[in-house]
Amino acid sequence: MLNSGGTLVVQEWIEGPDSSIYFALFHCGAEPAPRSIFFGRKLAAHPPGLGSTAVCVPAPEAAELLRPLTERFLDISQYRGLGSLEFKWDARARRFVIIEPTVGRTDWQEEIATLNGLNLALIAYCYELGLPAPPLRHVAATAWRESFLHLRRSSSLSMRTCDGYWRVGDPLPALAFCVDVTCRSLRRLFAQPVLERRKPPFRRRRIA
């Protein structure tokens, strides 16, 4: 591997459930523009253990520990623009470790910041146009769910939960999502047997 690849990146696997994963969503402008950072926590991922965020909640209780780590990363990298960091609590070492950065784009669960009063996309828009940054809105804590497919995982939450697709005033994204899920399910249902039938029969070969 060293001979063919030249350089390897080795990542340690941190044991623990998806609920041990926290994240910092942020926007950074050039100095002296302030940084806007939102802290959240995954409750479930899809697929479990290594997938995208399925259900998440705000995590202001983790800000005291995660803010210094986030700020140091941003200082060292001289980061600019939208991005995020994902942390996982390492129970063996009793500390948070960075497991994944997202660079130059919004994250999958970015809307949770907007739902909780910090609209990072709007902040970035205003910054690029030289407009005053929108103020932080103080709202009740709100959870975010990717779709109705994860309804069971979010049903026990004691806070308001918003779906990533469904809105009463704008139902078309949810409709498009349902059509897509149905088409994918039908494709798997009917295409798999056809592919299985078309596979050539397995023949053993003699090795001389």
N, C-alpha and C. Protein backbone atom coordinates (compact mmCIF):
# COMPACT_ATOMS: atom_id res chain seq x y z
N MET A 1 0.82 -1.21 0.00
CA MET A 1 0.00 0.00 0.00
C MET A 1 0.86 1.26 0.00
N LEU A 2 1.94 1.23 0.77
CA LEU A 2 2.83 2.39 0.81
C LEU A 2 3.53 2.60 -0.53
N ASN A 3 3.91 1.50 -1.18
CA ASN A 3 4.60 1.61 -2.46
C ASN A 3 3.69 2.15 -3.55
N SER A 4 2.42 1.72 -3.57
CA SER A 4 1.51 2.13 -4.64
C SER A 4 0.80 3.45 -4.33
N GLY A 5 0.49 3.68 -3.05
CA GLY A 5 -0.26 4.89 -2.71
C GLY A 5 0.59 6.06 -2.31
N GLY A 6 1.77 5.78 -1.78
CA GLY A 6 2.64 6.88 -1.37
C GLY A 6 2.37 7.36 0.03
N THR A 7 1.12 7.76 0.30
CA THR A 7 0.75 8.29 1.62
C THR A 7 -0.56 7.66 2.06
N LEU A 8 -0.64 7.28 3.31
CA LEU A 8 -1.85 6.71 3.87
C LEU A 8 -2.37 7.60 4.98
N VAL A 9 -3.68 7.66 5.11
CA VAL A 9 -4.32 8.33 6.23
C VAL A 9 -4.99 7.25 7.08
N VAL A 10 -4.62 7.13 8.32
CA VAL A 10 -5.16 6.11 9.21
C VAL A 10 -6.10 6.78 10.20
N GLN A 11 -7.31 6.29 10.30
CA GLN A 11 -8.30 6.86 11.21
C GLN A 11 -8.68 5.83 12.27
N GLU A 12 -8.62 6.24 13.50
CA GLU A 12 -8.96 5.35 14.60
C GLU A 12 -10.48 5.23 14.74
N TRP A 13 -10.96 4.02 14.99
CA TRP A 13 -12.39 3.82 15.24
C TRP A 13 -12.67 4.07 16.71
N ILE A 14 -13.59 5.01 16.98
CA ILE A 14 -13.95 5.35 18.35
C ILE A 14 -15.23 4.60 18.71
N GLU A 15 -15.15 3.73 19.69
CA GLU A 15 -16.31 2.96 20.10
C GLU A 15 -17.37 3.87 20.73
N GLY A 16 -18.63 3.44 20.60
CA GLY A 16 -19.72 4.18 21.22
C GLY A 16 -20.91 4.32 20.30
N PRO A 17 -22.08 4.62 20.85
CA PRO A 17 -23.30 4.74 20.04
C PRO A 17 -23.32 6.04 19.25
N ASP A 18 -24.27 6.13 18.32
CA ASP A 18 -24.43 7.36 17.53
C ASP A 18 -24.74 8.57 18.41
N SER A 19 -25.37 8.34 19.55
CA SER A 19 -25.71 9.44 20.46
C SER A 19 -24.47 10.03 21.15
N SER A 20 -23.31 9.42 20.95
CA SER A 20 -22.06 9.98 21.47
C SER A 20 -21.43 10.98 20.51
N ILE A 21 -22.07 11.20 19.37
CA ILE A 21 -21.54 12.09 18.34
C ILE A 21 -22.17 13.48 18.48
N TYR A 22 -21.32 14.49 18.54
CA TYR A 22 -21.73 15.90 18.59
C TYR A 22 -21.16 16.61 17.37
N PHE A 23 -21.68 17.79 17.09
CA PHE A 23 -21.16 18.53 15.93
C PHE A 23 -21.21 20.03 16.18
N ALA A 24 -20.33 20.72 15.47
CA ALA A 24 -20.31 22.19 15.47
C ALA A 24 -20.51 22.66 14.03
N LEU A 25 -21.60 23.38 13.79
CA LEU A 25 -21.86 23.98 12.48
C LEU A 25 -21.44 25.44 12.56
N PHE A 26 -20.71 25.93 11.56
CA PHE A 26 -20.19 27.29 11.71
C PHE A 26 -20.06 28.03 10.38
N HIS A 27 -19.98 29.36 10.53
CA HIS A 27 -19.58 30.23 9.43
C HIS A 27 -18.50 31.16 9.94
N CYS A 28 -17.43 31.30 9.16
CA CYS A 28 -16.31 32.15 9.54
C CYS A 28 -16.04 33.15 8.43
N GLY A 29 -16.01 34.42 8.79
CA GLY A 29 -15.60 35.45 7.85
C GLY A 29 -14.15 35.84 8.14
N ALA A 30 -13.63 36.73 7.32
CA ALA A 30 -12.28 37.24 7.56
C ALA A 30 -12.28 38.12 8.80
N GLU A 31 -11.17 38.13 9.52
CA GLU A 31 -11.06 38.98 10.70
C GLU A 31 -11.30 40.44 10.32
N PRO A 32 -11.99 41.21 11.13
CA PRO A 32 -12.47 40.87 12.48
C PRO A 32 -13.92 40.40 12.52
N ALA A 33 -14.43 39.86 11.43
CA ALA A 33 -15.81 39.38 11.42
C ALA A 33 -16.00 38.28 12.46
N PRO A 34 -17.10 38.31 13.20
CA PRO A 34 -17.31 37.29 14.24
C PRO A 34 -17.61 35.93 13.63
N ARG A 35 -17.31 34.88 14.38
CA ARG A 35 -17.66 33.53 13.99
C ARG A 35 -19.03 33.17 14.55
N SER A 36 -19.80 32.47 13.76
CA SER A 36 -21.11 31.99 14.21
C SER A 36 -21.03 30.47 14.32
N ILE A 37 -21.29 29.94 15.51
CA ILE A 37 -21.13 28.50 15.75
C ILE A 37 -22.37 27.96 16.46
N PHE A 38 -22.86 26.83 15.97
CA PHE A 38 -23.99 26.15 16.60
C PHE A 38 -23.55 24.74 16.98
N PHE A 39 -23.91 24.31 18.19
CA PHE A 39 -23.54 22.98 18.67
C PHE A 39 -24.77 22.08 18.77
N GLY A 40 -24.63 20.87 18.24
CA GLY A 40 -25.73 19.92 18.27
C GLY A 40 -25.24 18.53 18.58
N ARG A 41 -26.19 17.60 18.68
CA ARG A 41 -25.88 16.22 19.03
C ARG A 41 -26.72 15.27 18.20
N LYS A 42 -26.09 14.26 17.64
CA LYS A 42 -26.83 13.20 16.94
C LYS A 42 -27.52 12.29 17.95
N LEU A 43 -28.72 11.89 17.64
CA LEU A 43 -29.38 10.85 18.41
C LEU A 43 -29.47 9.55 17.63
N ALA A 44 -29.49 9.66 16.31
CA ALA A 44 -29.57 8.48 15.45
C ALA A 44 -28.96 8.80 14.10
N ALA A 45 -28.39 7.78 13.47
CA ALA A 45 -27.81 7.91 12.14
C ALA A 45 -28.39 6.82 11.24
N HIS A 46 -28.33 7.07 9.94
CA HIS A 46 -28.81 6.07 8.97
C HIS A 46 -27.80 5.93 7.84
N PRO A 47 -27.24 4.72 7.64
CA PRO A 47 -27.42 3.53 8.47
C PRO A 47 -26.73 3.68 9.82
N PRO A 48 -27.20 2.97 10.85
CA PRO A 48 -26.64 3.11 12.19
C PRO A 48 -25.13 2.82 12.22
N GLY A 49 -24.44 3.60 13.04
CA GLY A 49 -23.03 3.36 13.24
C GLY A 49 -22.09 4.10 12.31
N LEU A 50 -22.54 4.45 11.10
CA LEU A 50 -21.63 5.10 10.16
C LEU A 50 -22.32 5.98 9.12
N GLY A 51 -23.63 6.21 9.28
CA GLY A 51 -24.37 6.94 8.25
C GLY A 51 -24.57 8.41 8.56
N SER A 52 -25.42 9.04 7.77
CA SER A 52 -25.76 10.45 7.93
C SER A 52 -26.71 10.65 9.10
N THR A 53 -26.85 11.89 9.52
CA THR A 53 -27.71 12.20 10.65
C THR A 53 -29.17 11.91 10.32
N ALA A 54 -29.82 11.15 11.18
CA ALA A 54 -31.25 10.85 11.03
C ALA A 54 -32.08 11.69 11.99
N VAL A 55 -31.60 11.84 13.23
CA VAL A 55 -32.28 12.66 14.25
C VAL A 55 -31.20 13.37 15.05
N CYS A 56 -31.39 14.66 15.29
CA CYS A 56 -30.43 15.41 16.10
C CYS A 56 -31.14 16.48 16.92
N VAL A 57 -30.46 16.96 17.95
CA VAL A 57 -31.01 17.97 18.86
C VAL A 57 -29.95 19.02 19.13
N PRO A 58 -30.35 20.22 19.56
CA PRO A 58 -29.35 21.21 19.98
C PRO A 58 -28.63 20.72 21.23
N ALA A 59 -27.37 21.12 21.38
CA ALA A 59 -26.57 20.66 22.52
C ALA A 59 -25.81 21.82 23.16
N PRO A 60 -26.53 22.79 23.72
CA PRO A 60 -25.83 23.91 24.37
C PRO A 60 -25.00 23.47 25.56
N GLU A 61 -25.36 22.32 26.16
CA GLU A 61 -24.62 21.83 27.33
C GLU A 61 -23.19 21.40 26.97
N ALA A 62 -22.94 21.14 25.68
CA ALA A 62 -21.60 20.71 25.26
C ALA A 62 -20.74 21.87 24.79
N ALA A 63 -21.31 23.05 24.71
CA ALA A 63 -20.58 24.19 24.14
C ALA A 63 -19.32 24.52 24.94
N GLU A 64 -19.37 24.38 26.24
CA GLU A 64 -18.22 24.73 27.07
C GLU A 64 -16.99 23.88 26.73
N LEU A 65 -17.22 22.61 26.40
CA LEU A 65 -16.12 21.72 26.05
C LEU A 65 -15.75 21.79 24.56
N LEU A 66 -16.75 21.93 23.70
CA LEU A 66 -16.50 21.87 22.27
C LEU A 66 -16.05 23.19 21.66
N ARG A 67 -16.45 24.32 22.27
CA ARG A 67 -16.07 25.61 21.68
C ARG A 67 -14.56 25.80 21.62
N PRO A 68 -13.80 25.52 22.70
CA PRO A 68 -12.34 25.70 22.59
C PRO A 68 -11.71 24.83 21.51
N LEU A 69 -12.19 23.58 21.36
CA LEU A 69 -11.66 22.70 20.31
C LEU A 69 -11.98 23.25 18.92
N THR A 70 -13.22 23.72 18.75
CA THR A 70 -13.64 24.27 17.47
C THR A 70 -12.86 25.54 17.13
N GLU A 71 -12.75 26.43 18.10
CA GLU A 71 -12.04 27.69 17.88
C GLU A 71 -10.58 27.44 17.52
N ARG A 72 -9.96 26.47 18.19
CA ARG A 72 -8.55 26.18 17.90
C ARG A 72 -8.39 25.62 16.49
N PHE A 73 -9.30 24.74 16.08
CA PHE A 73 -9.26 24.23 14.71
C PHE A 73 -9.39 25.36 13.70
N LEU A 74 -10.31 26.27 13.95
CA LEU A 74 -10.53 27.38 13.02
C LEU A 74 -9.34 28.32 12.99
N ASP A 75 -8.70 28.52 14.15
CA ASP A 75 -7.51 29.38 14.20
C ASP A 75 -6.35 28.77 13.41
N ILE A 76 -6.09 27.49 13.65
CA ILE A 76 -4.96 26.82 13.01
C ILE A 76 -5.15 26.73 11.50
N SER A 77 -6.35 26.40 11.08
CA SER A 77 -6.63 26.23 9.64
C SER A 77 -6.93 27.55 8.94
N GLN A 78 -7.11 28.63 9.72
CA GLN A 78 -7.52 29.94 9.15
C GLN A 78 -8.75 29.76 8.25
N TYR A 79 -9.72 29.06 8.80
CA TYR A 79 -10.89 28.66 8.02
C TYR A 79 -11.75 29.86 7.67
N ARG A 80 -12.34 29.82 6.46
CA ARG A 80 -13.27 30.84 6.00
C ARG A 80 -14.46 30.16 5.33
N GLY A 81 -15.65 30.68 5.59
CA GLY A 81 -16.84 30.16 4.94
C GLY A 81 -17.64 29.23 5.83
N LEU A 82 -18.53 28.46 5.19
CA LEU A 82 -19.37 27.50 5.90
C LEU A 82 -18.63 26.17 6.07
N GLY A 83 -18.89 25.51 7.18
CA GLY A 83 -18.28 24.21 7.42
C GLY A 83 -18.79 23.62 8.73
N SER A 84 -18.22 22.49 9.11
CA SER A 84 -18.62 21.87 10.37
C SER A 84 -17.54 20.91 10.84
N LEU A 85 -17.61 20.58 12.11
CA LEU A 85 -16.76 19.56 12.71
C LEU A 85 -17.66 18.57 13.43
N GLU A 86 -17.30 17.30 13.34
CA GLU A 86 -18.03 16.26 14.06
C GLU A 86 -17.11 15.68 15.14
N PHE A 87 -17.63 15.59 16.34
CA PHE A 87 -16.87 15.08 17.47
C PHE A 87 -17.54 13.81 17.99
N LYS A 88 -16.73 12.95 18.62
CA LYS A 88 -17.30 11.79 19.30
C LYS A 88 -16.67 11.68 20.69
N TRP A 89 -17.50 11.36 21.67
CA TRP A 89 -17.01 11.21 23.02
C TRP A 89 -16.30 9.87 23.14
N ASP A 90 -15.00 9.92 23.43
CA ASP A 90 -14.19 8.72 23.61
C ASP A 90 -14.26 8.33 25.09
N ALA A 91 -15.07 7.30 25.40
CA ALA A 91 -15.28 6.91 26.79
C ALA A 91 -14.01 6.38 27.44
N ARG A 92 -13.11 5.79 26.64
CA ARG A 92 -11.88 5.25 27.21
C ARG A 92 -10.92 6.36 27.62
N ALA A 93 -10.77 7.37 26.76
CA ALA A 93 -9.86 8.47 27.06
C ALA A 93 -10.55 9.59 27.82
N ARG A 94 -11.89 9.51 27.94
CA ARG A 94 -12.68 10.54 28.64
C ARG A 94 -12.46 11.92 28.02
N ARG A 95 -12.65 11.99 26.69
CA ARG A 95 -12.49 13.28 26.01
C ARG A 95 -13.22 13.24 24.67
N PHE A 96 -13.47 14.43 24.12
CA PHE A 96 -14.01 14.53 22.77
C PHE A 96 -12.88 14.50 21.77
N VAL A 97 -13.09 13.78 20.66
CA VAL A 97 -12.11 13.77 19.58
C VAL A 97 -12.82 14.14 18.27
N ILE A 98 -12.09 14.79 17.39
CA ILE A 98 -12.63 15.16 16.08
C ILE A 98 -12.61 13.93 15.18
N ILE A 99 -13.75 13.57 14.61
CA ILE A 99 -13.81 12.39 13.74
C ILE A 99 -14.09 12.75 12.29
N GLU A 100 -14.60 13.96 12.02
CA GLU A 100 -14.90 14.28 10.62
C GLU A 100 -15.12 15.78 10.44
N PRO A 101 -14.44 16.40 9.46
CA PRO A 101 -14.76 17.78 9.10
C PRO A 101 -15.62 17.80 7.83
N THR A 102 -16.43 18.83 7.70
CA THR A 102 -17.15 19.10 6.45
C THR A 102 -16.68 20.47 5.99
N VAL A 103 -16.14 20.55 4.78
CA VAL A 103 -15.44 21.76 4.34
C VAL A 103 -16.13 22.36 3.12
N GLY A 104 -16.37 23.66 3.18
CA GLY A 104 -16.81 24.40 2.01
C GLY A 104 -18.26 24.22 1.61
N ARG A 105 -19.08 23.66 2.48
CA ARG A 105 -20.50 23.47 2.15
C ARG A 105 -21.29 23.32 3.44
N THR A 106 -22.60 23.37 3.30
CA THR A 106 -23.46 23.12 4.46
C THR A 106 -23.50 21.63 4.75
N ASP A 107 -23.87 21.29 5.96
CA ASP A 107 -23.96 19.89 6.36
C ASP A 107 -25.38 19.38 6.17
N TRP A 108 -25.54 18.05 6.26
CA TRP A 108 -26.84 17.41 6.04
C TRP A 108 -27.90 17.96 6.98
N GLN A 109 -27.54 18.15 8.26
CA GLN A 109 -28.50 18.56 9.27
C GLN A 109 -28.44 20.07 9.56
N GLU A 110 -27.93 20.84 8.60
CA GLU A 110 -27.69 22.27 8.83
C GLU A 110 -28.93 23.02 9.29
N GLU A 111 -30.10 22.57 8.88
CA GLU A 111 -31.34 23.29 9.20
C GLU A 111 -31.59 23.37 10.69
N ILE A 112 -31.01 22.46 11.48
CA ILE A 112 -31.27 22.50 12.92
C ILE A 112 -30.78 23.82 13.52
N ALA A 113 -29.71 24.39 12.97
CA ALA A 113 -29.22 25.67 13.47
C ALA A 113 -30.25 26.77 13.21
N THR A 114 -30.82 26.78 12.01
CA THR A 114 -31.85 27.77 11.67
C THR A 114 -33.08 27.60 12.55
N LEU A 115 -33.51 26.37 12.76
CA LEU A 115 -34.68 26.11 13.59
C LEU A 115 -34.49 26.60 15.02
N ASN A 116 -33.22 26.64 15.46
CA ASN A 116 -32.92 27.09 16.82
C ASN A 116 -32.39 28.52 16.87
N GLY A 117 -32.63 29.28 15.81
CA GLY A 117 -32.38 30.71 15.85
C GLY A 117 -31.12 31.21 15.20
N LEU A 118 -30.24 30.31 14.70
CA LEU A 118 -28.99 30.75 14.09
C LEU A 118 -28.98 30.31 12.63
N ASN A 119 -29.36 31.22 11.73
CA ASN A 119 -29.48 30.91 10.31
C ASN A 119 -28.12 31.11 9.64
N LEU A 120 -27.32 30.04 9.60
CA LEU A 120 -25.95 30.15 9.10
C LEU A 120 -25.91 30.46 7.61
N ALA A 121 -26.84 29.91 6.84
CA ALA A 121 -26.87 30.20 5.41
C ALA A 121 -27.15 31.68 5.16
N LEU A 122 -28.07 32.26 5.92
CA LEU A 122 -28.38 33.69 5.78
C LEU A 122 -27.21 34.54 6.25
N ILE A 123 -26.54 34.11 7.31
CA ILE A 123 -25.36 34.82 7.80
C ILE A 123 -24.28 34.87 6.72
N ALA A 124 -24.04 33.73 6.07
CA ALA A 124 -23.04 33.67 4.99
C ALA A 124 -23.45 34.57 3.83
N TYR A 125 -24.73 34.56 3.48
CA TYR A 125 -25.24 35.39 2.39
C TYR A 125 -25.02 36.87 2.69
N CYS A 126 -25.39 37.29 3.89
CA CYS A 126 -25.24 38.69 4.27
C CYS A 126 -23.77 39.09 4.31
N TYR A 127 -22.91 38.19 4.78
CA TYR A 127 -21.48 38.48 4.85
C TYR A 127 -20.90 38.73 3.46
N GLU A 128 -21.26 37.88 2.51
CA GLU A 128 -20.71 38.02 1.16
C GLU A 128 -21.20 39.30 0.48
N LEU A 129 -22.38 39.77 0.83
CA LEU A 129 -22.91 41.00 0.23
C LEU A 129 -22.57 42.25 1.04
N GLY A 130 -21.87 42.05 2.17
CA GLY A 130 -21.51 43.20 2.99
C GLY A 130 -22.67 43.78 3.77
N LEU A 131 -23.68 42.96 4.04
CA LEU A 131 -24.85 43.41 4.79
C LEU A 131 -24.67 43.09 6.27
N PRO A 132 -25.39 43.78 7.15
CA PRO A 132 -25.31 43.45 8.58
C PRO A 132 -25.77 42.01 8.84
N ALA A 133 -25.12 41.34 9.75
CA ALA A 133 -25.49 39.97 10.07
C ALA A 133 -26.85 39.94 10.75
N PRO A 134 -27.71 38.98 10.42
CA PRO A 134 -29.01 38.88 11.08
C PRO A 134 -28.81 38.54 12.55
N PRO A 135 -29.65 39.08 13.42
CA PRO A 135 -29.49 38.81 14.85
C PRO A 135 -29.87 37.37 15.21
N LEU A 136 -29.31 36.87 16.28
CA LEU A 136 -29.67 35.56 16.79
C LEU A 136 -31.09 35.61 17.35
N ARG A 137 -31.95 34.71 16.91
CA ARG A 137 -33.32 34.65 17.42
C ARG A 137 -33.39 33.67 18.58
N HIS A 138 -34.06 34.07 19.63
CA HIS A 138 -34.23 33.19 20.79
C HIS A 138 -35.55 32.44 20.63
N VAL A 139 -35.45 31.15 20.42
CA VAL A 139 -36.63 30.31 20.19
C VAL A 139 -36.56 29.09 21.10
N ALA A 140 -37.68 28.40 21.21
CA ALA A 140 -37.70 27.16 21.99
C ALA A 140 -36.85 26.10 21.31
N ALA A 141 -36.18 25.27 22.10
CA ALA A 141 -35.32 24.22 21.56
C ALA A 141 -36.11 23.32 20.61
N THR A 142 -35.54 23.06 19.44
CA THR A 142 -36.22 22.28 18.40
C THR A 142 -35.29 21.20 17.87
N ALA A 143 -35.80 19.98 17.77
CA ALA A 143 -35.05 18.86 17.20
C ALA A 143 -35.28 18.80 15.69
N TRP A 144 -34.41 18.07 15.00
CA TRP A 144 -34.52 17.91 13.54
C TRP A 144 -34.51 16.43 13.21
N ARG A 145 -35.43 16.04 12.31
CA ARG A 145 -35.53 14.66 11.85
C ARG A 145 -35.41 14.66 10.33
N GLU A 146 -34.59 13.75 9.80
CA GLU A 146 -34.35 13.74 8.36
C GLU A 146 -35.64 13.55 7.56
N SER A 147 -36.49 12.59 7.97
CA SER A 147 -37.75 12.34 7.27
C SER A 147 -38.66 11.51 8.15
N PHE A 148 -39.87 11.25 7.65
CA PHE A 148 -40.84 10.44 8.40
C PHE A 148 -40.34 9.00 8.59
N LEU A 149 -39.34 8.59 7.82
CA LEU A 149 -38.80 7.24 7.96
C LEU A 149 -38.18 7.02 9.34
N HIS A 150 -37.85 8.12 10.03
CA HIS A 150 -37.23 8.03 11.35
C HIS A 150 -38.17 8.55 12.45
N LEU A 151 -39.46 8.47 12.17
CA LEU A 151 -40.46 8.95 13.12
C LEU A 151 -40.36 8.24 14.46
N ARG A 152 -40.16 6.93 14.43
CA ARG A 152 -40.09 6.16 15.68
C ARG A 152 -38.91 6.61 16.55
N ARG A 153 -37.80 6.94 15.91
CA ARG A 153 -36.61 7.34 16.66
C ARG A 153 -36.76 8.70 17.33
N SER A 154 -37.66 9.52 16.81
CA SER A 154 -37.83 10.86 17.37
C SER A 154 -39.10 11.01 18.20
N SER A 155 -39.91 9.96 18.29
CA SER A 155 -41.21 10.07 18.94
C SER A 155 -41.12 10.31 20.45
N SER A 156 -40.01 9.93 21.05
CA SER A 156 -39.88 10.07 22.51
C SER A 156 -39.26 11.40 22.95
N LEU A 157 -38.94 12.27 22.01
CA LEU A 157 -38.32 13.55 22.37
C LEU A 157 -39.32 14.46 23.05
N SER A 158 -38.83 15.21 24.03
CA SER A 158 -39.70 16.10 24.80
C SER A 158 -39.74 17.50 24.22
N MET A 159 -39.16 17.71 23.05
CA MET A 159 -39.15 19.03 22.43
C MET A 159 -39.80 18.96 21.05
N ARG A 160 -40.13 20.11 20.52
CA ARG A 160 -40.70 20.20 19.18
C ARG A 160 -39.71 19.61 18.17
N THR A 161 -40.24 18.83 17.20
CA THR A 161 -39.40 18.20 16.19
C THR A 161 -39.87 18.61 14.80
N CYS A 162 -38.93 19.02 13.97
CA CYS A 162 -39.25 19.40 12.59
C CYS A 162 -38.69 18.36 11.63
N ASP A 163 -39.47 18.05 10.61
CA ASP A 163 -39.08 17.09 9.59
C ASP A 163 -38.27 17.80 8.50
N GLY A 164 -37.26 17.12 7.97
CA GLY A 164 -36.42 17.74 6.95
C GLY A 164 -37.13 17.98 5.63
N TYR A 165 -38.25 17.31 5.38
CA TYR A 165 -38.96 17.46 4.12
C TYR A 165 -40.36 18.06 4.29
N TRP A 166 -41.07 17.67 5.33
CA TRP A 166 -42.47 18.05 5.44
C TRP A 166 -42.67 19.41 6.09
N ARG A 167 -43.40 20.29 5.43
CA ARG A 167 -43.88 21.54 5.98
C ARG A 167 -45.31 21.74 5.49
N VAL A 168 -46.20 22.17 6.36
CA VAL A 168 -47.60 22.37 5.98
C VAL A 168 -47.70 23.40 4.86
N GLY A 169 -46.92 24.48 4.96
CA GLY A 169 -46.98 25.54 3.96
C GLY A 169 -46.21 25.24 2.69
N ASP A 170 -45.43 24.16 2.66
CA ASP A 170 -44.63 23.82 1.48
C ASP A 170 -44.50 22.30 1.40
N PRO A 171 -45.57 21.62 0.98
CA PRO A 171 -45.58 20.15 1.01
C PRO A 171 -44.87 19.47 -0.15
N LEU A 172 -44.46 20.20 -1.19
CA LEU A 172 -43.90 19.56 -2.38
C LEU A 172 -42.60 18.79 -2.12
N PRO A 173 -41.66 19.31 -1.30
CA PRO A 173 -40.47 18.49 -1.03
C PRO A 173 -40.80 17.13 -0.42
N ALA A 174 -41.77 17.11 0.50
CA ALA A 174 -42.17 15.83 1.10
C ALA A 174 -42.82 14.92 0.07
N LEU A 175 -43.63 15.49 -0.83
CA LEU A 175 -44.26 14.70 -1.88
C LEU A 175 -43.21 14.09 -2.81
N ALA A 176 -42.22 14.90 -3.20
CA ALA A 176 -41.16 14.42 -4.07
C ALA A 176 -40.35 13.32 -3.38
N PHE A 177 -40.12 13.49 -2.08
CA PHE A 177 -39.37 12.50 -1.32
C PHE A 177 -40.13 11.17 -1.26
N CYS A 178 -41.43 11.24 -1.02
CA CYS A 178 -42.25 10.02 -0.95
C CYS A 178 -42.26 9.30 -2.29
N VAL A 179 -42.36 10.05 -3.39
CA VAL A 179 -42.34 9.43 -4.72
C VAL A 179 -41.00 8.75 -4.95
N ASP A 180 -39.92 9.42 -4.55
CA ASP A 180 -38.58 8.85 -4.74
C ASP A 180 -38.41 7.57 -3.93
N VAL A 181 -38.86 7.60 -2.66
CA VAL A 181 -38.74 6.40 -1.80
C VAL A 181 -39.55 5.26 -2.39
N THR A 182 -40.75 5.55 -2.89
CA THR A 182 -41.59 4.51 -3.49
C THR A 182 -40.94 3.91 -4.73
N CYS A 183 -40.39 4.77 -5.59
CA CYS A 183 -39.75 4.28 -6.81
C CYS A 183 -38.53 3.42 -6.50
N ARG A 184 -37.75 3.84 -5.51
CA ARG A 184 -36.58 3.04 -5.13
C ARG A 184 -36.99 1.67 -4.57
N SER A 185 -38.05 1.68 -3.77
CA SER A 185 -38.52 0.42 -3.20
C SER A 185 -39.03 -0.53 -4.28
N LEU A 186 -39.78 0.01 -5.25
CA LEU A 186 -40.29 -0.83 -6.34
C LEU A 186 -39.15 -1.35 -7.21
N ARG A 187 -38.13 -0.51 -7.40
CA ARG A 187 -36.99 -0.92 -8.22
C ARG A 187 -36.26 -2.09 -7.55
N ARG A 188 -36.08 -1.98 -6.24
CA ARG A 188 -35.42 -3.08 -5.52
C ARG A 188 -36.28 -4.34 -5.54
N LEU A 189 -37.60 -4.15 -5.43
CA LEU A 189 -38.52 -5.30 -5.35
C LEU A 189 -38.53 -6.09 -6.65
N PHE A 190 -38.54 -5.36 -7.78
CA PHE A 190 -38.69 -6.04 -9.06
C PHE A 190 -37.37 -6.27 -9.80
N ALA A 191 -36.42 -5.38 -9.60
CA ALA A 191 -35.16 -5.50 -10.34
C ALA A 191 -34.27 -6.60 -9.78
N GLN A 192 -34.28 -6.81 -8.48
CA GLN A 192 -33.40 -7.80 -7.88
C GLN A 192 -33.67 -9.22 -8.39
N PRO A 193 -34.94 -9.67 -8.43
CA PRO A 193 -35.19 -11.02 -8.98
C PRO A 193 -34.75 -11.16 -10.43
N VAL A 194 -34.92 -10.08 -11.23
CA VAL A 194 -34.51 -10.12 -12.63
C VAL A 194 -33.00 -10.28 -12.74
N LEU A 195 -32.27 -9.51 -11.94
CA LEU A 195 -30.82 -9.59 -11.96
C LEU A 195 -30.34 -10.96 -11.51
N GLU A 196 -31.03 -11.51 -10.52
CA GLU A 196 -30.65 -12.84 -10.04
C GLU A 196 -30.82 -13.89 -11.15
N ARG A 197 -31.92 -13.78 -11.91
CA ARG A 197 -32.18 -14.75 -12.98
C ARG A 197 -31.16 -14.62 -14.12
N ARG A 198 -30.65 -13.40 -14.32
CA ARG A 198 -29.73 -13.17 -15.43
C ARG A 198 -28.29 -13.52 -15.09
N LYS A 199 -28.00 -13.81 -13.84
CA LYS A 199 -26.64 -14.16 -13.47
C LYS A 199 -26.26 -15.48 -14.14
N PRO A 200 -25.06 -15.53 -14.73
CA PRO A 200 -24.63 -16.80 -15.34
C PRO A 200 -24.43 -17.86 -14.28
N PRO A 201 -24.71 -19.11 -14.59
CA PRO A 201 -24.53 -20.19 -13.59
C PRO A 201 -23.06 -20.31 -13.20
N PHE A 202 -22.85 -20.59 -11.94
CA PHE A 202 -21.49 -20.72 -11.43
C PHE A 202 -20.92 -22.09 -11.83
N ARG A 203 -19.76 -22.10 -12.44
CA ARG A 203 -19.13 -23.35 -12.86
C ARG A 203 -17.76 -23.44 -12.21
N ARG A 204 -17.51 -24.57 -11.64
CA ARG A 204 -16.20 -24.79 -11.04
C ARG A 204 -15.16 -25.07 -12.15
N ARG A 205 -14.00 -24.53 -11.98
CA ARG A 205 -12.92 -24.77 -12.93
C ARG A 205 -11.84 -25.63 -12.29
N ARG A 206 -11.35 -26.55 -13.08
CA ARG A 206 -10.24 -27.36 -12.61
C ARG A 206 -8.96 -26.56 -12.69
N ILE A 207 -8.17 -26.68 -11.67
CA ILE A 207 -6.86 -26.02 -11.64
C ILE A 207 -5.82 -27.06 -11.93
N ALA A 208 -5.15 -26.91 -13.06
CA ALA A 208 -4.16 -27.91 -13.47
C ALA A 208 -2.92 -27.85 -12.58
